[in-house]
Structures are given as C-alpha cells and as structure tokens.
Amino acid sequence: MSGNYSLDDLLAAELAGREYPDPDLIERLAEQRAHELLHERAVEMLGLARREALDRHGPAWAALIADQAAAEWEVAG
C-alpha cells in the first residue's frame, strides 16, 4: 500500500473488508451511493435553475425548465 493513506483510511478499509468480505457487494453499494448522491445533486441543481429562471426571467421560463425536466425524467425512467 502507498504511504498516501492515513491511519484512519487504512483502518476504515480493514473494517470494511471485515464487514463486507464480498468485494462485489462493496462495489455495488458504492455505485448505489454514487447514484443517490448524483440524484440529490441533480435535484438541487434543478431547484436552483428554477429559482434563477423565476428571479431573472419570470414564471414562463421557470415553467419551461420544469416541463423540460419532467420530459427528461420520463425518457430516463
């Protein structure tokens, strides 16, 4: 192991290895959490975009962003 890891990092890795001996499970859990975080950030950014559109351009632009987001969710879902 490289010397770039702190003692806390090494301990966390060891404990994770003991708790989740299946490496595929760790990868799936990490991927699932990454998707959750990306979704949370996307929802946050959509809210910011709506507020910015409403503040700068009025309700028509905010509605356009909301309609576009709904269409994208239908395609992705």
C-alpha atoms as a PDB file:
ATOM      1  CA  MET A   1       0.000   0.000   0.000  1.00  0.00           C
ATOM      2  CA  SER A   2       1.141   3.500  -0.740  1.00  0.00           C
ATOM      3  CA  GLY A   3       2.157   5.855   2.039  1.00  0.00           C
ATOM      4  CA  ASN A   4      -0.509   8.345   0.932  1.00  0.00           C
ATOM      5  CA  TYR A   5      -3.171   6.813   3.162  1.00  0.00           C
ATOM      6  CA  SER A   6      -3.776   7.977   6.712  1.00  0.00           C
ATOM      7  CA  LEU A   7      -4.161   5.576   9.593  1.00  0.00           C
ATOM      8  CA  ASP A   8      -7.897   6.340   9.602  1.00  0.00           C
ATOM      9  CA  ASP A   9      -8.123   5.414   5.895  1.00  0.00           C
ATOM     10  CA  LEU A  10      -6.330   2.127   6.478  1.00  0.00           C
ATOM     11  CA  LEU A  11      -8.485   1.269   9.481  1.00  0.00           C
ATOM     12  CA  ALA A  12     -11.679   2.098   7.574  1.00  0.00           C
ATOM     13  CA  ALA A  13     -10.559  -0.120   4.685  1.00  0.00           C
ATOM     14  CA  GLU A  14      -9.783  -3.005   7.027  1.00  0.00           C
ATOM     15  CA  LEU A  15     -13.119  -2.695   8.831  1.00  0.00           C
ATOM     16  CA  ALA A  16     -14.983  -2.512   5.519  1.00  0.00           C
ATOM     17  CA  GLY A  17     -13.190  -5.664   4.396  1.00  0.00           C
ATOM     18  CA  ARG A  18     -14.277  -7.481   7.529  1.00  0.00           C
ATOM     19  CA  GLU A  19     -17.860  -6.244   7.376  1.00  0.00           C
ATOM     20  CA  TYR A  20     -18.241  -6.831   3.634  1.00  0.00           C
ATOM     21  CA  PRO A  21     -15.989  -9.719   2.607  1.00  0.00           C
ATOM     22  CA  ASP A  22     -17.597  -9.843  -0.861  1.00  0.00           C
ATOM     23  CA  PRO A  23     -15.780  -7.210  -2.981  1.00  0.00           C
ATOM     24  CA  ASP A  24     -18.640  -7.146  -5.489  1.00  0.00           C
ATOM     25  CA  LEU A  25     -21.019  -6.119  -2.717  1.00  0.00           C
ATOM     26  CA  ILE A  26     -18.792  -3.184  -1.780  1.00  0.00           C
ATOM     27  CA  GLU A  27     -18.657  -2.105  -5.416  1.00  0.00           C
ATOM     28  CA  ARG A  28     -22.441  -2.346  -5.781  1.00  0.00           C
ATOM     29  CA  LEU A  29     -23.007  -0.403  -2.554  1.00  0.00           C
ATOM     30  CA  ALA A  30     -20.535   2.279  -3.630  1.00  0.00           C
ATOM     31  CA  GLU A  31     -22.181   2.550  -7.044  1.00  0.00           C
ATOM     32  CA  GLN A  32     -25.630   2.756  -5.474  1.00  0.00           C
ATOM     33  CA  ARG A  33     -24.475   5.519  -3.122  1.00  0.00           C
ATOM     34  CA  ALA A  34     -22.855   7.381  -6.007  1.00  0.00           C
ATOM     35  CA  HIS A  35     -26.150   7.257  -7.918  1.00  0.00           C
ATOM     36  CA  GLU A  36     -28.005   8.526  -4.848  1.00  0.00           C
ATOM     37  CA  LEU A  37     -25.576  11.422  -4.443  1.00  0.00           C
ATOM     38  CA  LEU A  38     -25.784  12.305  -8.129  1.00  0.00           C
ATOM     39  CA  HIS A  39     -29.567  12.264  -7.958  1.00  0.00           C
ATOM     40  CA  GLU A  40     -29.556  14.522  -4.882  1.00  0.00           C
ATOM     41  CA  ARG A  41     -27.225  16.971  -6.621  1.00  0.00           C
ATOM     42  CA  ALA A  42     -29.305  16.922  -9.812  1.00  0.00           C
ATOM     43  CA  VAL A  43     -32.468  17.707  -7.854  1.00  0.00           C
ATOM     44  CA  GLU A  44     -30.612  20.527  -6.071  1.00  0.00           C
ATOM     45  CA  MET A  45     -29.356  21.976  -9.343  1.00  0.00           C
ATOM     46  CA  LEU A  46     -32.811  21.750 -10.908  1.00  0.00           C
ATOM     47  CA  GLY A  47     -34.225  23.701  -7.971  1.00  0.00           C
ATOM     48  CA  LEU A  48     -31.507  26.324  -8.354  1.00  0.00           C
ATOM     49  CA  ALA A  49     -32.197  26.576 -12.086  1.00  0.00           C
ATOM     50  CA  ARG A  50     -35.910  27.039 -11.474  1.00  0.00           C
ATOM     51  CA  ARG A  51     -35.353  29.755  -8.870  1.00  0.00           C
ATOM     52  CA  GLU A  52     -32.828  31.535 -11.079  1.00  0.00           C
ATOM     53  CA  ALA A  53     -35.180  31.402 -14.063  1.00  0.00           C
ATOM     54  CA  LEU A  54     -38.050  32.702 -11.963  1.00  0.00           C
ATOM     55  CA  ASP A  55     -35.961  35.535 -10.491  1.00  0.00           C
ATOM     56  CA  ARG A  56     -34.382  36.622 -13.765  1.00  0.00           C
ATOM     57  CA  HIS A  57     -36.932  35.819 -16.437  1.00  0.00           C
ATOM     58  CA  GLY A  58     -40.299  35.232 -14.805  1.00  0.00           C
ATOM     59  CA  PRO A  59     -42.692  32.325 -14.380  1.00  0.00           C
ATOM     60  CA  ALA A  60     -42.762  31.318 -18.063  1.00  0.00           C
ATOM     61  CA  TRP A  61     -39.066  30.378 -18.011  1.00  0.00           C
ATOM     62  CA  ALA A  62     -39.430  28.562 -14.697  1.00  0.00           C
ATOM     63  CA  ALA A  63     -42.330  26.563 -16.154  1.00  0.00           C
ATOM     64  CA  LEU A  64     -40.256  25.773 -19.242  1.00  0.00           C
ATOM     65  CA  ILE A  65     -37.459  24.363 -17.060  1.00  0.00           C
ATOM     66  CA  ALA A  66     -39.962  22.317 -15.049  1.00  0.00           C
ATOM     67  CA  ASP A  67     -41.571  20.949 -18.231  1.00  0.00           C
ATOM     68  CA  GLN A  68     -38.188  20.080 -19.744  1.00  0.00           C
ATOM     69  CA  ALA A  69     -37.089  18.334 -16.547  1.00  0.00           C
ATOM     70  CA  ALA A  70     -40.300  16.301 -16.441  1.00  0.00           C
ATOM     71  CA  ALA A  71     -39.798  15.228 -20.055  1.00  0.00           C
ATOM     72  CA  GLU A  72     -36.208  14.177 -19.325  1.00  0.00           C
ATOM     73  CA  TRP A  73     -37.301  12.149 -16.284  1.00  0.00           C
ATOM     74  CA  GLU A  74     -39.908  10.336 -18.393  1.00  0.00           C
ATOM     75  CA  VAL A  75     -37.293   9.429 -21.005  1.00  0.00           C
ATOM     76  CA  ALA A  76     -34.719   8.339 -18.397  1.00  0.00           C
ATOM     77  CA  GLY A  77     -37.217   6.490 -16.207  1.00  0.00           C
END
